[in-house]
C-alpha atoms as a PDB file:
ATOM      1  CA  MET A   1       0.015  -0.023   0.011  1.00  0.00           C
ATOM      2  CA  ARG A   2       1.248   3.412  -0.929  1.00  0.00           C
ATOM      3  CA  ILE A   3       1.381   5.766   2.052  1.00  0.00           C
ATOM      4  CA  ALA A   4       1.052   9.442   1.160  1.00  0.00           C
ATOM      5  CA  THR A   5       0.459  12.411   3.391  1.00  0.00           C
ATOM      6  CA  THR A   6      -1.480  15.623   3.620  1.00  0.00           C
ATOM      7  CA  ILE A   7      -1.002  18.837   5.624  1.00  0.00           C
ATOM      8  CA  PHE A   8      -2.230  22.346   5.903  1.00  0.00           C
ATOM      9  CA  LEU A   9       0.976  24.132   4.881  1.00  0.00           C
ATOM     10  CA  THR A  10       0.824  27.739   6.056  1.00  0.00           C
ATOM     11  CA  ASP A  11       3.191  30.718   6.582  1.00  0.00           C
ATOM     12  CA  GLU A  12       3.780  29.237  10.039  1.00  0.00           C
ATOM     13  CA  THR A  13       4.474  25.562   9.304  1.00  0.00           C
ATOM     14  CA  ILE A  14       7.308  23.605   7.809  1.00  0.00           C
ATOM     15  CA  ARG A  15       8.166  24.667   4.274  1.00  0.00           C
ATOM     16  CA  PRO A  16       7.094  22.664   1.267  1.00  0.00           C
ATOM     17  CA  ASP A  17      10.645  21.996   0.005  1.00  0.00           C
ATOM     18  CA  ARG A  18      11.797  20.831   3.343  1.00  0.00           C
ATOM     19  CA  LEU A  19       8.804  18.533   3.892  1.00  0.00           C
ATOM     20  CA  ALA A  20       9.038  17.158   0.363  1.00  0.00           C
ATOM     21  CA  ARG A  21      12.702  16.128   0.789  1.00  0.00           C
ATOM     22  CA  GLU A  22      11.959  14.423   4.091  1.00  0.00           C
ATOM     23  CA  LEU A  23       8.996  12.551   2.626  1.00  0.00           C
ATOM     24  CA  GLU A  24      10.962  11.232  -0.393  1.00  0.00           C
ATOM     25  CA  GLU A  25      13.957  10.296   1.695  1.00  0.00           C
ATOM     26  CA  ARG A  26      11.840   8.307   4.136  1.00  0.00           C
ATOM     27  CA  GLY A  27       9.888   6.470   1.399  1.00  0.00           C
ATOM     28  CA  PHE A  28       6.505   8.117   1.603  1.00  0.00           C
ATOM     29  CA  ALA A  29       4.561   7.986  -1.649  1.00  0.00           C
ATOM     30  CA  GLY A  30       3.131  11.537  -1.993  1.00  0.00           C
ATOM     31  CA  LEU A  31       2.122  14.898  -0.731  1.00  0.00           C
ATOM     32  CA  TYR A  32      -1.380  16.272  -1.057  1.00  0.00           C
ATOM     33  CA  LEU A  33      -2.289  19.906  -0.256  1.00  0.00           C
ATOM     34  CA  PRO A  34      -5.656  21.559   0.440  1.00  0.00           C
ATOM     35  CA  GLU A  35      -6.855  24.853  -0.864  1.00  0.00           C
ATOM     36  CA  HIS A  36      -8.668  27.840   0.577  1.00  0.00           C
ATOM     37  CA  THR A  37      -8.159  31.235  -1.060  1.00  0.00           C
ATOM     38  CA  HIS A  38      -9.499  33.047   1.995  1.00  0.00           C
ATOM     39  CA  ILE A  39     -11.933  32.671   4.884  1.00  0.00           C
ATOM     40  CA  PRO A  40     -14.402  35.583   5.249  1.00  0.00           C
ATOM     41  CA  VAL A  41     -14.597  36.857   8.795  1.00  0.00           C
ATOM     42  CA  GLU A  42     -18.359  37.136   8.592  1.00  0.00           C
ATOM     43  CA  ARG A  43     -18.875  33.475   8.061  1.00  0.00           C
ATOM     44  CA  THR A  44     -22.274  31.935   8.665  1.00  0.00           C
ATOM     45  CA  THR A  45     -21.503  28.561   7.158  1.00  0.00           C
ATOM     46  CA  PRO A  46     -20.726  26.069   9.868  1.00  0.00           C
ATOM     47  CA  TYR A  47     -17.449  24.229   9.768  1.00  0.00           C
ATOM     48  CA  PRO A  48     -18.413  20.546   8.966  1.00  0.00           C
ATOM     49  CA  ALA A  49     -16.154  19.083  11.770  1.00  0.00           C
ATOM     50  CA  GLY A  50     -17.596  21.596  14.235  1.00  0.00           C
ATOM     51  CA  ASP A  51     -16.667  25.167  15.054  1.00  0.00           C
ATOM     52  CA  PRO A  52     -14.460  26.911  15.866  1.00  0.00           C
ATOM     53  CA  LEU A  53     -12.697  26.772  12.517  1.00  0.00           C
ATOM     54  CA  PRO A  54      -9.006  25.877  12.935  1.00  0.00           C
ATOM     55  CA  PRO A  55      -6.861  28.928  12.169  1.00  0.00           C
ATOM     56  CA  GLU A  56      -4.790  27.170   9.472  1.00  0.00           C
ATOM     57  CA  TYR A  57      -7.816  27.351   7.115  1.00  0.00           C
ATOM     58  CA  GLY A  58      -7.225  31.056   6.744  1.00  0.00           C
ATOM     59  CA  ARG A  59      -3.483  30.731   6.260  1.00  0.00           C
ATOM     60  CA  THR A  60      -3.016  28.035   3.701  1.00  0.00           C
ATOM     61  CA  LEU A  61      -0.372  28.400   1.030  1.00  0.00           C
ATOM     62  CA  ASP A  62      -1.420  28.254  -2.661  1.00  0.00           C
ATOM     63  CA  PRO A  63      -1.252  24.487  -3.344  1.00  0.00           C
ATOM     64  CA  PHE A  64       0.012  24.759  -6.879  1.00  0.00           C
ATOM     65  CA  ILE A  65       2.960  27.089  -6.048  1.00  0.00           C
ATOM     66  CA  ALA A  66       3.763  24.944  -2.979  1.00  0.00           C
ATOM     67  CA  LEU A  67       3.655  21.731  -4.920  1.00  0.00           C
ATOM     68  CA  GLY A  68       5.850  23.307  -7.670  1.00  0.00           C
ATOM     69  CA  GLN A  69       8.441  23.960  -4.931  1.00  0.00           C
ATOM     70  CA  ALA A  70       8.105  20.338  -3.761  1.00  0.00           C
ATOM     71  CA  ALA A  71       8.457  19.064  -7.352  1.00  0.00           C
ATOM     72  CA  ALA A  72      11.738  20.945  -7.835  1.00  0.00           C
ATOM     73  CA  VAL A  73      13.454  19.187  -4.939  1.00  0.00           C
ATOM     74  CA  THR A  74      12.188  15.575  -5.465  1.00  0.00           C
ATOM     75  CA  GLU A  75      12.272  13.057  -8.222  1.00  0.00           C
ATOM     76  CA  ARG A  76       9.612  10.350  -7.247  1.00  0.00           C
ATOM     77  CA  LEU A  77       7.242  11.968  -4.760  1.00  0.00           C
ATOM     78  CA  GLY A  78       3.650  12.021  -5.918  1.00  0.00           C
ATOM     79  CA  LEU A  79       2.100  15.547  -5.776  1.00  0.00           C
ATOM     80  CA  GLY A  80      -1.598  16.244  -5.392  1.00  0.00           C
ATOM     81  CA  THR A  81      -4.239  18.694  -4.439  1.00  0.00           C
ATOM     82  CA  GLY A  82      -6.650  17.571  -1.729  1.00  0.00           C
ATOM     83  CA  ILE A  83      -8.643  19.290  -2.987  1.00  0.00           C
ATOM     84  CA  THR A  84      -8.842  22.003  -5.649  1.00  0.00           C
ATOM     85  CA  LEU A  85     -11.996  24.024  -5.542  1.00  0.00           C
ATOM     86  CA  VAL A  86     -12.530  23.911  -9.276  1.00  0.00           C
ATOM     87  CA  ALA A  87     -15.635  26.178  -9.236  1.00  0.00           C
ATOM     88  CA  GLN A  88     -13.594  28.954  -7.741  1.00  0.00           C
ATOM     89  CA  HIS A  89     -11.074  28.979 -10.610  1.00  0.00           C
ATOM     90  CA  ASP A  90     -11.005  30.283 -14.170  1.00  0.00           C
ATOM     91  CA  PRO A  91     -10.773  26.924 -15.941  1.00  0.00           C
ATOM     92  CA  ILE A  92      -8.451  28.086 -18.670  1.00  0.00           C
ATOM     93  CA  ASP A  93      -5.921  29.284 -16.110  1.00  0.00           C
ATOM     94  CA  LEU A  94      -6.411  26.128 -13.996  1.00  0.00           C
ATOM     95  CA  ALA A  95      -5.902  23.871 -16.990  1.00  0.00           C
ATOM     96  CA  LYS A  96      -2.573  25.622 -17.581  1.00  0.00           C
ATOM     97  CA  GLN A  97      -1.532  25.404 -13.946  1.00  0.00           C
ATOM     98  CA  ALA A  98      -2.306  21.681 -13.646  1.00  0.00           C
ATOM     99  CA  ALA A  99      -0.699  20.801 -17.034  1.00  0.00           C
ATOM    100  CA  THR A 100       2.447  22.824 -16.191  1.00  0.00           C
ATOM    101  CA  LEU A 101       2.808  21.142 -12.723  1.00  0.00           C
ATOM    102  CA  ASP A 102       2.303  17.720 -14.278  1.00  0.00           C
ATOM    103  CA  PHE A 103       4.714  18.331 -17.104  1.00  0.00           C
ATOM    104  CA  LEU A 104       7.502  19.841 -14.913  1.00  0.00           C
ATOM    105  CA  SER A 105       7.174  16.985 -12.312  1.00  0.00           C
ATOM    106  CA  GLY A 106       7.285  14.298 -14.963  1.00  0.00           C
ATOM    107  CA  GLY A 107       3.633  13.149 -14.577  1.00  0.00           C
ATOM    108  CA  ARG A 108       3.600  13.049 -10.778  1.00  0.00           C
ATOM    109  CA  PHE A 109       0.490  15.278 -10.354  1.00  0.00           C
ATOM    110  CA  THR A 110      -2.936  14.210  -9.131  1.00  0.00           C
ATOM    111  CA  LEU A 111      -5.816  16.727  -9.389  1.00  0.00           C
ATOM    112  CA  GLY A 112      -8.073  16.308  -6.420  1.00  0.00           C
ATOM    113  CA  VAL A 113     -11.405  17.930  -7.141  1.00  0.00           C
ATOM    114  CA  GLY A 114     -13.855  19.209  -4.508  1.00  0.00           C
ATOM    115  CA  PHE A 115     -16.981  21.208  -4.270  1.00  0.00           C
ATOM    116  CA  GLY A 116     -16.376  23.013  -1.003  1.00  0.00           C
ATOM    117  CA  TRP A 117     -18.266  23.730   2.163  1.00  0.00           C
ATOM    118  CA  ASN A 118     -17.844  27.492   2.710  1.00  0.00           C
ATOM    119  CA  VAL A 119     -20.664  29.328   1.069  1.00  0.00           C
ATOM    120  CA  GLU A 120     -19.157  32.792   1.736  1.00  0.00           C
ATOM    121  CA  GLU A 121     -15.728  31.841   0.274  1.00  0.00           C
ATOM    122  CA  ALA A 122     -17.410  30.590  -2.889  1.00  0.00           C
ATOM    123  CA  ALA A 123     -19.707  33.597  -3.123  1.00  0.00           C
ATOM    124  CA  ASP A 124     -16.722  35.919  -3.241  1.00  0.00           C
ATOM    125  CA  HIS A 125     -15.602  34.075  -6.301  1.00  0.00           C
ATOM    126  CA  GLY A 126     -19.016  34.606  -7.962  1.00  0.00           C
ATOM    127  CA  VAL A 127     -20.092  30.928  -7.435  1.00  0.00           C
ATOM    128  CA  GLU A 128     -23.765  30.259  -7.081  1.00  0.00           C
ATOM    129  CA  TRP A 129     -23.823  27.609  -4.398  1.00  0.00           C
ATOM    130  CA  ALA A 130     -26.720  25.486  -5.742  1.00  0.00           C
ATOM    131  CA  THR A 131     -24.981  25.000  -9.135  1.00  0.00           C
ATOM    132  CA  ARG A 132     -21.375  24.534  -7.955  1.00  0.00           C
ATOM    133  CA  ARG A 133     -21.273  20.753  -8.717  1.00  0.00           C
ATOM    134  CA  GLU A 134     -22.474  21.242 -12.272  1.00  0.00           C
ATOM    135  CA  LEU A 135     -20.150  24.188 -12.633  1.00  0.00           C
ATOM    136  CA  SER A 136     -17.214  22.066 -11.620  1.00  0.00           C
ATOM    137  CA  ARG A 137     -18.304  19.324 -14.033  1.00  0.00           C
ATOM    138  CA  ASP A 138     -18.515  21.813 -16.857  1.00  0.00           C
ATOM    139  CA  ARG A 139     -15.122  23.360 -16.085  1.00  0.00           C
ATOM    140  CA  MET A 140     -13.529  19.949 -15.975  1.00  0.00           C
ATOM    141  CA  ALA A 141     -14.849  19.227 -19.478  1.00  0.00           C
ATOM    142  CA  LEU A 142     -13.508  22.548 -20.721  1.00  0.00           C
ATOM    143  CA  MET A 143     -10.082  21.831 -19.149  1.00  0.00           C
ATOM    144  CA  ARG A 144     -10.036  18.382 -20.850  1.00  0.00           C
ATOM    145  CA  ALA A 145     -10.630  20.104 -24.182  1.00  0.00           C
ATOM    146  CA  LEU A 146      -7.494  22.163 -23.587  1.00  0.00           C
ATOM    147  CA  TRP A 147      -5.557  19.065 -22.591  1.00  0.00           C
ATOM    148  CA  ALA A 148      -6.501  17.204 -25.676  1.00  0.00           C
ATOM    149  CA  ALA A 149      -3.749  16.284 -28.149  1.00  0.00           C
ATOM    150  CA  GLU A 150      -5.359  18.306 -30.928  1.00  0.00           C
ATOM    151  CA  PRO A 151      -6.984  21.777 -30.666  1.00  0.00           C
ATOM    152  CA  THR A 152     -10.522  21.067 -29.473  1.00  0.00           C
ATOM    153  CA  ALA A 153     -13.382  23.487 -28.880  1.00  0.00           C
ATOM    154  CA  TYR A 154     -15.791  23.215 -25.990  1.00  0.00           C
ATOM    155  CA  GLU A 155     -19.182  24.797 -25.514  1.00  0.00           C
ATOM    156  CA  GLY A 156     -20.788  24.217 -22.145  1.00  0.00           C
ATOM    157  CA  ALA A 157     -23.580  25.503 -19.962  1.00  0.00           C
ATOM    158  CA  PHE A 158     -21.178  27.663 -17.918  1.00  0.00           C
ATOM    159  CA  GLY A 159     -18.317  28.437 -20.294  1.00  0.00           C
ATOM    160  CA  SER A 160     -16.637  27.765 -23.613  1.00  0.00           C
ATOM    161  CA  VAL A 161     -13.330  27.819 -25.263  1.00  0.00           C
ATOM    162  CA  ARG A 162     -12.281  27.916 -28.942  1.00  0.00           C
ATOM    163  CA  ALA A 163     -10.108  25.262 -30.444  1.00  0.00           C
ATOM    164  CA  SER A 164      -6.716  26.362 -29.148  1.00  0.00           C
ATOM    165  CA  PHE A 165      -3.061  25.654 -29.021  1.00  0.00           C
ATOM    166  CA  ALA A 166      -2.528  24.980 -25.392  1.00  0.00           C
ATOM    167  CA  HIS A 167       0.818  23.556 -24.196  1.00  0.00           C
ATOM    168  CA  PRO A 168       2.315  21.972 -22.214  1.00  0.00           C
ATOM    169  CA  LYS A 169       0.111  18.895 -22.149  1.00  0.00           C
ATOM    170  CA  PRO A 170      -0.196  16.686 -19.071  1.00  0.00           C
ATOM    171  CA  VAL A 171       2.119  13.778 -19.294  1.00  0.00           C
ATOM    172  CA  ARG A 172      -0.407  10.903 -19.102  1.00  0.00           C
ATOM    173  CA  GLU A 173      -1.768   9.477 -22.366  1.00  0.00           C
ATOM    174  CA  PRO A 174      -5.542   9.380 -22.799  1.00  0.00           C
ATOM    175  CA  ARG A 175      -7.029   6.087 -21.687  1.00  0.00           C
ATOM    176  CA  GLU A 176      -9.672   4.241 -23.669  1.00  0.00           C
ATOM    177  CA  ARG A 177     -13.119   4.098 -22.131  1.00  0.00           C
ATOM    178  CA  LYS A 178     -16.055   2.046 -23.469  1.00  0.00           C
ATOM    179  CA  GLY A 179     -18.880   4.030 -24.855  1.00  0.00           C
ATOM    180  CA  ALA A 180     -17.264   7.381 -24.117  1.00  0.00           C
ATOM    181  CA  ASP A 181     -14.449   9.645 -25.163  1.00  0.00           C
ATOM    182  CA  ALA A 182     -10.922   8.980 -23.767  1.00  0.00           C
ATOM    183  CA  LEU A 183     -10.132  10.927 -20.717  1.00  0.00           C
ATOM    184  CA  THR A 184      -7.273  13.388 -20.932  1.00  0.00           C
ATOM    185  CA  GLY A 185      -5.250  15.114 -18.276  1.00  0.00           C
ATOM    186  CA  PRO A 186      -3.590  14.195 -14.968  1.00  0.00           C
ATOM    187  CA  ARG A 187      -4.985  11.532 -12.684  1.00  0.00           C
ATOM    188  CA  THR A 188      -8.176  13.033 -11.220  1.00  0.00           C
ATOM    189  CA  LEU A 189      -9.898  12.064  -7.878  1.00  0.00           C
ATOM    190  CA  ILE A 190     -13.125  13.605  -6.650  1.00  0.00           C
ATOM    191  CA  GLY A 191     -13.650  14.283  -2.938  1.00  0.00           C
ATOM    192  CA  GLY A 192     -17.007  14.356  -1.156  1.00  0.00           C
ATOM    193  CA  GLY A 193     -19.521  12.268   0.803  1.00  0.00           C
ATOM    194  CA  ALA A 194     -20.891   9.045  -0.617  1.00  0.00           C
ATOM    195  CA  GLY A 195     -24.022   9.426  -2.723  1.00  0.00           C
ATOM    196  CA  PRO A 196     -25.502   8.629  -6.102  1.00  0.00           C
ATOM    197  CA  LYS A 197     -24.795  12.140  -7.579  1.00  0.00           C
ATOM    198  CA  LEU A 198     -21.121  12.094  -6.490  1.00  0.00           C
ATOM    199  CA  PHE A 199     -20.635   8.568  -7.776  1.00  0.00           C
ATOM    200  CA  ARG A 200     -22.142   9.501 -11.141  1.00  0.00           C
ATOM    201  CA  HIS A 201     -19.709  12.370 -11.455  1.00  0.00           C
ATOM    202  CA  ILE A 202     -16.774  10.105 -10.517  1.00  0.00           C
ATOM    203  CA  ALA A 203     -17.760   7.580 -13.086  1.00  0.00           C
ATOM    204  CA  GLU A 204     -18.234  10.263 -15.702  1.00  0.00           C
ATOM    205  CA  TYR A 205     -15.008  12.393 -15.513  1.00  0.00           C
ATOM    206  CA  ALA A 206     -12.629  11.085 -12.844  1.00  0.00           C
ATOM    207  CA  ASP A 207     -10.278   8.180 -12.009  1.00  0.00           C
ATOM    208  CA  GLY A 208     -11.610   7.585  -8.534  1.00  0.00           C
ATOM    209  CA  TRP A 209     -12.840   8.828  -5.191  1.00  0.00           C
ATOM    210  CA  LEU A 210     -11.004  10.750  -2.376  1.00  0.00           C
ATOM    211  CA  PRO A 211     -13.154  10.151   0.731  1.00  0.00           C
ATOM    212  CA  ILE A 212     -12.194  12.027   3.886  1.00  0.00           C
ATOM    213  CA  GLY A 213     -11.414   9.781   6.751  1.00  0.00           C
ATOM    214  CA  GLY A 214     -12.393   6.523   5.104  1.00  0.00           C
ATOM    215  CA  ARG A 215     -15.487   5.584   7.243  1.00  0.00           C
ATOM    216  CA  GLY A 216     -18.185   3.515   5.701  1.00  0.00           C
ATOM    217  CA  LEU A 217     -16.141   2.287   2.735  1.00  0.00           C
ATOM    218  CA  SER A 218     -17.293  -1.280   3.081  1.00  0.00           C
ATOM    219  CA  GLU A 219     -20.829  -0.181   2.213  1.00  0.00           C
ATOM    220  CA  ALA A 220     -19.995   2.596  -0.210  1.00  0.00           C
ATOM    221  CA  ILE A 221     -17.362   1.077  -2.506  1.00  0.00           C
ATOM    222  CA  PRO A 222     -19.789  -1.644  -3.967  1.00  0.00           C
ATOM    223  CA  VAL A 223     -22.256   1.166  -4.793  1.00  0.00           C
ATOM    224  CA  LEU A 224     -19.546   3.213  -6.470  1.00  0.00           C
ATOM    225  CA  ARG A 225     -18.360   0.162  -8.394  1.00  0.00           C
ATOM    226  CA  THR A 226     -21.852  -0.377  -9.722  1.00  0.00           C
ATOM    227  CA  ALA A 227     -22.050   3.227 -10.938  1.00  0.00           C
ATOM    228  CA  TRP A 228     -18.576   2.958 -12.404  1.00  0.00           C
ATOM    229  CA  GLU A 229     -19.321  -0.271 -14.353  1.00  0.00           C
ATOM    230  CA  GLU A 230     -22.672   1.091 -15.498  1.00  0.00           C
ATOM    231  CA  ALA A 231     -20.910   3.982 -17.101  1.00  0.00           C
ATOM    232  CA  GLY A 232     -18.732   1.609 -19.042  1.00  0.00           C
ATOM    233  CA  ARG A 233     -15.575   2.039 -17.068  1.00  0.00           C
ATOM    234  CA  ASP A 234     -12.913  -0.603 -16.631  1.00  0.00           C
ATOM    235  CA  PRO A 235     -13.544  -2.277 -13.245  1.00  0.00           C
ATOM    236  CA  GLU A 236      -9.794  -2.548 -12.620  1.00  0.00           C
ATOM    237  CA  ALA A 237      -9.190   1.162 -13.158  1.00  0.00           C
ATOM    238  CA  LEU A 238     -11.256   2.574 -10.223  1.00  0.00           C
ATOM    239  CA  ARG A 239      -9.133   4.018  -7.449  1.00  0.00           C
ATOM    240  CA  VAL A 240     -10.424   4.797  -3.922  1.00  0.00           C
ATOM    241  CA  VAL A 241      -7.932   6.799  -1.880  1.00  0.00           C
ATOM    242  CA  PRO A 242      -8.943   7.418   1.805  1.00  0.00           C
ATOM    243  CA  TYR A 243      -7.807  10.924   2.683  1.00  0.00           C
ATOM    244  CA  ALA A 244      -6.816  12.778   5.839  1.00  0.00           C
ATOM    245  CA  VAL A 245      -6.618   9.471   7.747  1.00  0.00           C
ATOM    246  CA  LEU A 246      -5.315   9.139  11.315  1.00  0.00           C
ATOM    247  CA  PRO A 247      -3.714   5.734  10.929  1.00  0.00           C
ATOM    248  CA  SER A 248      -3.747   2.560  12.966  1.00  0.00           C
ATOM    249  CA  ALA A 249      -2.499  -0.951  11.951  1.00  0.00           C
ATOM    250  CA  GLY A 250      -6.056  -2.287  12.027  1.00  0.00           C
ATOM    251  CA  LYS A 251      -7.485   0.562   9.879  1.00  0.00           C
ATOM    252  CA  LEU A 252      -4.838   0.156   7.138  1.00  0.00           C
ATOM    253  CA  ALA A 253      -5.317  -3.641   7.167  1.00  0.00           C
ATOM    254  CA  HIS A 254      -9.026  -3.045   6.580  1.00  0.00           C
ATOM    255  CA  TYR A 255      -8.215  -0.799   3.628  1.00  0.00           C
ATOM    256  CA  ARG A 256      -6.035  -3.530   2.164  1.00  0.00           C
ATOM    257  CA  ASP A 257      -8.844  -5.989   2.517  1.00  0.00           C
ATOM    258  CA  LEU A 258     -11.068  -3.673   0.502  1.00  0.00           C
ATOM    259  CA  GLY A 259      -8.526  -3.587  -2.362  1.00  0.00           C
ATOM    260  CA  ILE A 260      -7.317  -0.104  -1.593  1.00  0.00           C
ATOM    261  CA  ASP A 261      -3.678   0.506  -2.672  1.00  0.00           C
ATOM    262  CA  GLU A 262      -3.147   4.106  -1.503  1.00  0.00           C
ATOM    263  CA  VAL A 263      -3.986   6.036   1.617  1.00  0.00           C
ATOM    264  CA  VAL A 264      -3.283   9.650   2.620  1.00  0.00           C
ATOM    265  CA  LEU A 265      -2.339  10.236   6.213  1.00  0.00           C
ATOM    266  CA  GLN A 266      -2.972  13.513   8.027  1.00  0.00           C
ATOM    267  CA  LEU A 267       0.026  15.523   9.302  1.00  0.00           C
ATOM    268  CA  PRO A 268      -0.236  18.227  11.981  1.00  0.00           C
ATOM    269  CA  PRO A 269      -0.197  21.837  10.661  1.00  0.00           C
ATOM    270  CA  SER A 270       2.955  22.627  12.690  1.00  0.00           C
ATOM    271  CA  GLY A 271       6.523  23.573  12.589  1.00  0.00           C
ATOM    272  CA  GLU A 272       9.390  21.321  11.396  1.00  0.00           C
ATOM    273  CA  SER A 273      10.125  19.458  14.616  1.00  0.00           C
ATOM    274  CA  GLU A 274       6.565  18.408  15.288  1.00  0.00           C
ATOM    275  CA  VAL A 275       5.941  17.410  11.651  1.00  0.00           C
ATOM    276  CA  LEU A 276       9.133  15.312  11.535  1.00  0.00           C
ATOM    277  CA  ARG A 277       8.145  13.499  14.783  1.00  0.00           C
ATOM    278  CA  ALA A 278       4.909  12.635  13.126  1.00  0.00           C
ATOM    279  CA  LEU A 279       6.653  11.240  10.083  1.00  0.00           C
ATOM    280  CA  ASP A 280       8.918   9.191  12.400  1.00  0.00           C
ATOM    281  CA  ASP A 281       5.682   7.741  13.909  1.00  0.00           C
ATOM    282  CA  TYR A 282       4.032   7.107  10.531  1.00  0.00           C
ATOM    283  CA  ALA A 283       7.187   5.307   9.231  1.00  0.00           C
ATOM    284  CA  GLN A 284       5.978   2.138  10.934  1.00  0.00           C
ATOM    285  CA  TYR A 285       3.224   1.909   8.282  1.00  0.00           C
ATOM    286  CA  LEU A 286       5.594   2.015   5.323  1.00  0.00           C
END
């Protein structure tokens, strides 16, 4: 099982380059970073894990810039977002960022896609909350048009792009999919709670699921597999990657029994000494 990590990197924590070197030297598989552009002070949206909201949410580094620094000092470490709030981005700019990071890292990038929980943050980006999932779906389709090998136009409900020269391209070659166009772009995982709408989106335009914490997977994975196979996807291609996990030997053994081959462990949003102590502890699971 591949053991990756995630952390809220901020202006007060260990630096991305320092952490990335330590992860690769110790044999960890990857580094995933979350995204919040800002946290409005006048927030009425409750924090899903229960208020008060931890201070690191308002201090997060930009994940693409931080992962670019991590890529520059490593050779094998996987690099991912956990997650990117696609609805809050201009999709043409985001397609360029993702493709550039994937290209410069030699194909090590995973795009984690999420729909968010903070209504006020999204509103400042002009996102209408009720349509954010369909907006994200539409923007992913536009991005895939830009990642295509040949200039490809896209006309969607929320945006469009002319057939364009758009380089660099993500490293991964398109994969064949029965009854549908080939997917282009970096490996894509969608985060969110289990449910039929989420599973339809995963089966349509992603490579798998990024469930936070990993609870309830025994019941959810068979439902996801059904949606995946009904969409004509290769049963062997589905990936489920439990995210922000606080590990134990029993929990990881359970994931292995479910056929999971990658898990992302949560690191504390702390300075160098505390983070390295956590890595020393997590080394037992490698």
